[in-house]
Amino acid sequence: MKKLDFAKLEWVKVDPSTLGPMFITAVETTGVPGLVNAVVLHTATAAYSIEAGNPGLEVYKGKEVT
């Protein structure tokens, strides 16, 4: 798996109810500003950040900026 530089990704907020089942290939935590204490889930096609929100959790999808 290619190591991602989380600071260089564009993080787009997504509605968690739109996500279906996914196969997780890796789980990491990060200290990137804006992603502090986030759990990053890697799938075969994307990276998702799950963070504490107000209220509940927020989910962001990481996209490489080209």
N, C-alpha and C. Protein backbone atom coordinates (compact mmCIF):
# COMPACT_ATOMS: atom_id res chain seq x y z
N MET A 1 0.83 -1.17 0.00
CA MET A 1 0.00 0.00 0.00
C MET A 1 0.88 1.25 0.00
N LYS A 2 0.52 2.20 -0.84
CA LYS A 2 1.25 3.46 -0.93
C LYS A 2 1.00 4.30 0.32
N LYS A 3 2.06 4.81 0.94
CA LYS A 3 1.94 5.65 2.13
C LYS A 3 1.39 7.02 1.71
N LEU A 4 0.29 7.44 2.33
CA LEU A 4 -0.32 8.71 2.00
C LEU A 4 0.22 9.82 2.90
N ASP A 5 0.40 11.01 2.33
CA ASP A 5 0.73 12.19 3.11
C ASP A 5 -0.60 12.89 3.38
N PHE A 6 -1.15 12.69 4.57
CA PHE A 6 -2.48 13.20 4.88
C PHE A 6 -2.60 14.70 4.71
N ALA A 7 -1.52 15.44 4.95
CA ALA A 7 -1.55 16.90 4.83
C ALA A 7 -1.72 17.35 3.39
N LYS A 8 -1.37 16.48 2.43
CA LYS A 8 -1.47 16.85 1.02
C LYS A 8 -2.78 16.40 0.37
N LEU A 9 -3.65 15.78 1.16
CA LEU A 9 -4.94 15.35 0.63
C LEU A 9 -5.98 16.43 0.85
N GLU A 10 -6.94 16.48 -0.04
CA GLU A 10 -8.11 17.33 0.17
C GLU A 10 -9.15 16.45 0.87
N TRP A 11 -9.62 16.88 2.03
CA TRP A 11 -10.57 16.10 2.81
C TRP A 11 -11.96 16.67 2.62
N VAL A 12 -12.86 15.88 2.06
CA VAL A 12 -14.22 16.30 1.74
C VAL A 12 -15.17 15.58 2.69
N LYS A 13 -16.00 16.36 3.38
CA LYS A 13 -16.96 15.77 4.31
C LYS A 13 -18.00 14.98 3.53
N VAL A 14 -18.30 13.77 4.00
CA VAL A 14 -19.30 12.91 3.36
C VAL A 14 -20.35 12.51 4.39
N ASP A 15 -21.53 12.21 3.91
CA ASP A 15 -22.61 11.73 4.76
C ASP A 15 -22.37 10.25 5.02
N PRO A 16 -22.15 9.86 6.28
CA PRO A 16 -21.84 8.46 6.56
C PRO A 16 -22.94 7.50 6.15
N SER A 17 -24.17 7.99 6.05
CA SER A 17 -25.27 7.10 5.65
C SER A 17 -25.18 6.70 4.19
N THR A 18 -24.35 7.41 3.40
CA THR A 18 -24.19 7.06 1.99
C THR A 18 -23.13 6.00 1.76
N LEU A 19 -22.36 5.68 2.81
CA LEU A 19 -21.31 4.68 2.68
C LEU A 19 -21.89 3.28 2.86
N GLY A 20 -21.54 2.42 1.98
CA GLY A 20 -21.97 1.03 2.11
C GLY A 20 -20.90 0.22 2.80
N PRO A 21 -21.03 -1.08 2.76
CA PRO A 21 -19.99 -1.94 3.34
C PRO A 21 -18.66 -1.71 2.64
N MET A 22 -17.58 -1.80 3.38
CA MET A 22 -16.26 -1.64 2.76
C MET A 22 -15.27 -2.59 3.42
N PHE A 23 -14.29 -3.00 2.64
CA PHE A 23 -13.22 -3.85 3.13
C PHE A 23 -12.06 -2.94 3.52
N ILE A 24 -11.71 -2.92 4.79
CA ILE A 24 -10.65 -2.05 5.31
C ILE A 24 -9.32 -2.77 5.17
N THR A 25 -8.35 -2.09 4.53
CA THR A 25 -7.03 -2.69 4.33
C THR A 25 -6.01 -2.22 5.36
N ALA A 26 -6.27 -1.06 6.01
CA ALA A 26 -5.35 -0.54 7.04
C ALA A 26 -6.08 0.48 7.89
N VAL A 27 -5.62 0.64 9.12
CA VAL A 27 -6.17 1.63 10.04
C VAL A 27 -5.00 2.39 10.65
N GLU A 28 -5.07 3.72 10.64
CA GLU A 28 -4.03 4.56 11.21
C GLU A 28 -4.66 5.67 12.03
N THR A 29 -3.86 6.30 12.88
CA THR A 29 -4.28 7.54 13.51
C THR A 29 -3.35 8.63 13.02
N THR A 30 -3.79 9.87 13.12
CA THR A 30 -2.98 10.95 12.57
C THR A 30 -3.04 12.17 13.46
N GLY A 31 -2.02 12.98 13.38
CA GLY A 31 -1.98 14.24 14.10
C GLY A 31 -1.96 15.42 13.15
N VAL A 32 -2.38 15.22 11.91
CA VAL A 32 -2.39 16.29 10.92
C VAL A 32 -3.37 17.37 11.38
N PRO A 33 -3.01 18.64 11.28
CA PRO A 33 -3.95 19.71 11.66
C PRO A 33 -5.28 19.54 10.94
N GLY A 34 -6.34 19.62 11.67
CA GLY A 34 -7.67 19.40 11.11
C GLY A 34 -8.07 17.94 11.17
N LEU A 35 -7.13 17.08 11.44
CA LEU A 35 -7.42 15.65 11.55
C LEU A 35 -6.86 15.12 12.86
N VAL A 36 -6.79 15.97 13.86
CA VAL A 36 -6.20 15.58 15.14
C VAL A 36 -7.00 14.44 15.75
N ASN A 37 -6.30 13.42 16.17
CA ASN A 37 -6.89 12.24 16.79
C ASN A 37 -7.91 11.54 15.90
N ALA A 38 -7.78 11.72 14.62
CA ALA A 38 -8.68 11.05 13.68
C ALA A 38 -8.22 9.62 13.46
N VAL A 39 -9.16 8.77 13.16
CA VAL A 39 -8.86 7.41 12.74
C VAL A 39 -9.03 7.39 11.23
N VAL A 40 -8.00 6.97 10.53
CA VAL A 40 -8.05 6.92 9.07
C VAL A 40 -8.17 5.47 8.64
N LEU A 41 -9.23 5.19 7.90
CA LEU A 41 -9.48 3.85 7.36
C LEU A 41 -9.09 3.84 5.90
N HIS A 42 -8.28 2.88 5.50
CA HIS A 42 -7.88 2.73 4.10
C HIS A 42 -8.70 1.61 3.48
N THR A 43 -9.23 1.88 2.29
CA THR A 43 -9.86 0.84 1.49
C THR A 43 -9.02 0.70 0.23
N ALA A 44 -9.44 -0.15 -0.67
CA ALA A 44 -8.69 -0.33 -1.91
C ALA A 44 -8.74 0.92 -2.78
N THR A 45 -9.76 1.75 -2.61
CA THR A 45 -9.94 2.89 -3.50
C THR A 45 -9.93 4.25 -2.82
N ALA A 46 -9.93 4.31 -1.49
CA ALA A 46 -10.02 5.61 -0.82
C ALA A 46 -9.51 5.52 0.61
N ALA A 47 -9.34 6.70 1.21
CA ALA A 47 -9.03 6.81 2.64
C ALA A 47 -10.13 7.64 3.26
N TYR A 48 -10.61 7.19 4.42
CA TYR A 48 -11.68 7.89 5.13
C TYR A 48 -11.18 8.27 6.51
N SER A 49 -11.47 9.50 6.93
CA SER A 49 -11.12 9.96 8.26
C SER A 49 -12.40 10.03 9.08
N ILE A 50 -12.36 9.42 10.25
CA ILE A 50 -13.49 9.47 11.18
C ILE A 50 -13.04 10.28 12.38
N GLU A 51 -13.77 11.36 12.65
CA GLU A 51 -13.39 12.30 13.68
C GLU A 51 -14.56 12.60 14.61
N ALA A 52 -14.20 13.05 15.80
CA ALA A 52 -15.25 13.50 16.73
C ALA A 52 -15.89 14.75 16.17
N GLY A 53 -17.21 14.78 16.16
CA GLY A 53 -17.95 15.95 15.71
C GLY A 53 -18.81 16.48 16.85
N ASN A 54 -19.66 17.42 16.52
CA ASN A 54 -20.54 17.98 17.54
C ASN A 54 -21.94 18.06 16.97
N PRO A 55 -22.81 17.15 17.20
CA PRO A 55 -22.64 15.94 18.00
C PRO A 55 -22.19 14.77 17.14
N GLY A 56 -21.80 13.69 17.74
CA GLY A 56 -21.48 12.44 17.04
C GLY A 56 -20.16 12.47 16.31
N LEU A 57 -20.10 11.69 15.24
CA LEU A 57 -18.88 11.55 14.45
C LEU A 57 -19.05 12.21 13.09
N GLU A 58 -17.93 12.64 12.51
CA GLU A 58 -17.91 13.18 11.16
C GLU A 58 -17.00 12.29 10.31
N VAL A 59 -17.34 12.12 9.04
CA VAL A 59 -16.56 11.28 8.13
C VAL A 59 -16.11 12.14 6.96
N TYR A 60 -14.83 12.03 6.62
CA TYR A 60 -14.26 12.75 5.50
C TYR A 60 -13.58 11.75 4.57
N LYS A 61 -13.66 12.02 3.27
CA LYS A 61 -12.99 11.18 2.28
C LYS A 61 -11.79 11.96 1.76
N GLY A 62 -10.62 11.34 1.80
CA GLY A 62 -9.40 11.97 1.32
C GLY A 62 -9.26 11.80 -0.17
N LYS A 63 -8.98 12.92 -0.85
CA LYS A 63 -8.76 12.89 -2.30
C LYS A 63 -7.41 13.52 -2.59
N GLU A 64 -6.64 12.86 -3.45
CA GLU A 64 -5.35 13.43 -3.82
C GLU A 64 -5.58 14.66 -4.69
N VAL A 65 -4.88 15.74 -4.34
CA VAL A 65 -4.97 16.98 -5.09
C VAL A 65 -4.02 16.88 -6.28
N THR A 66 -4.54 17.13 -7.47
CA THR A 66 -3.69 17.04 -8.67
C THR A 66 -3.41 18.38 -9.26
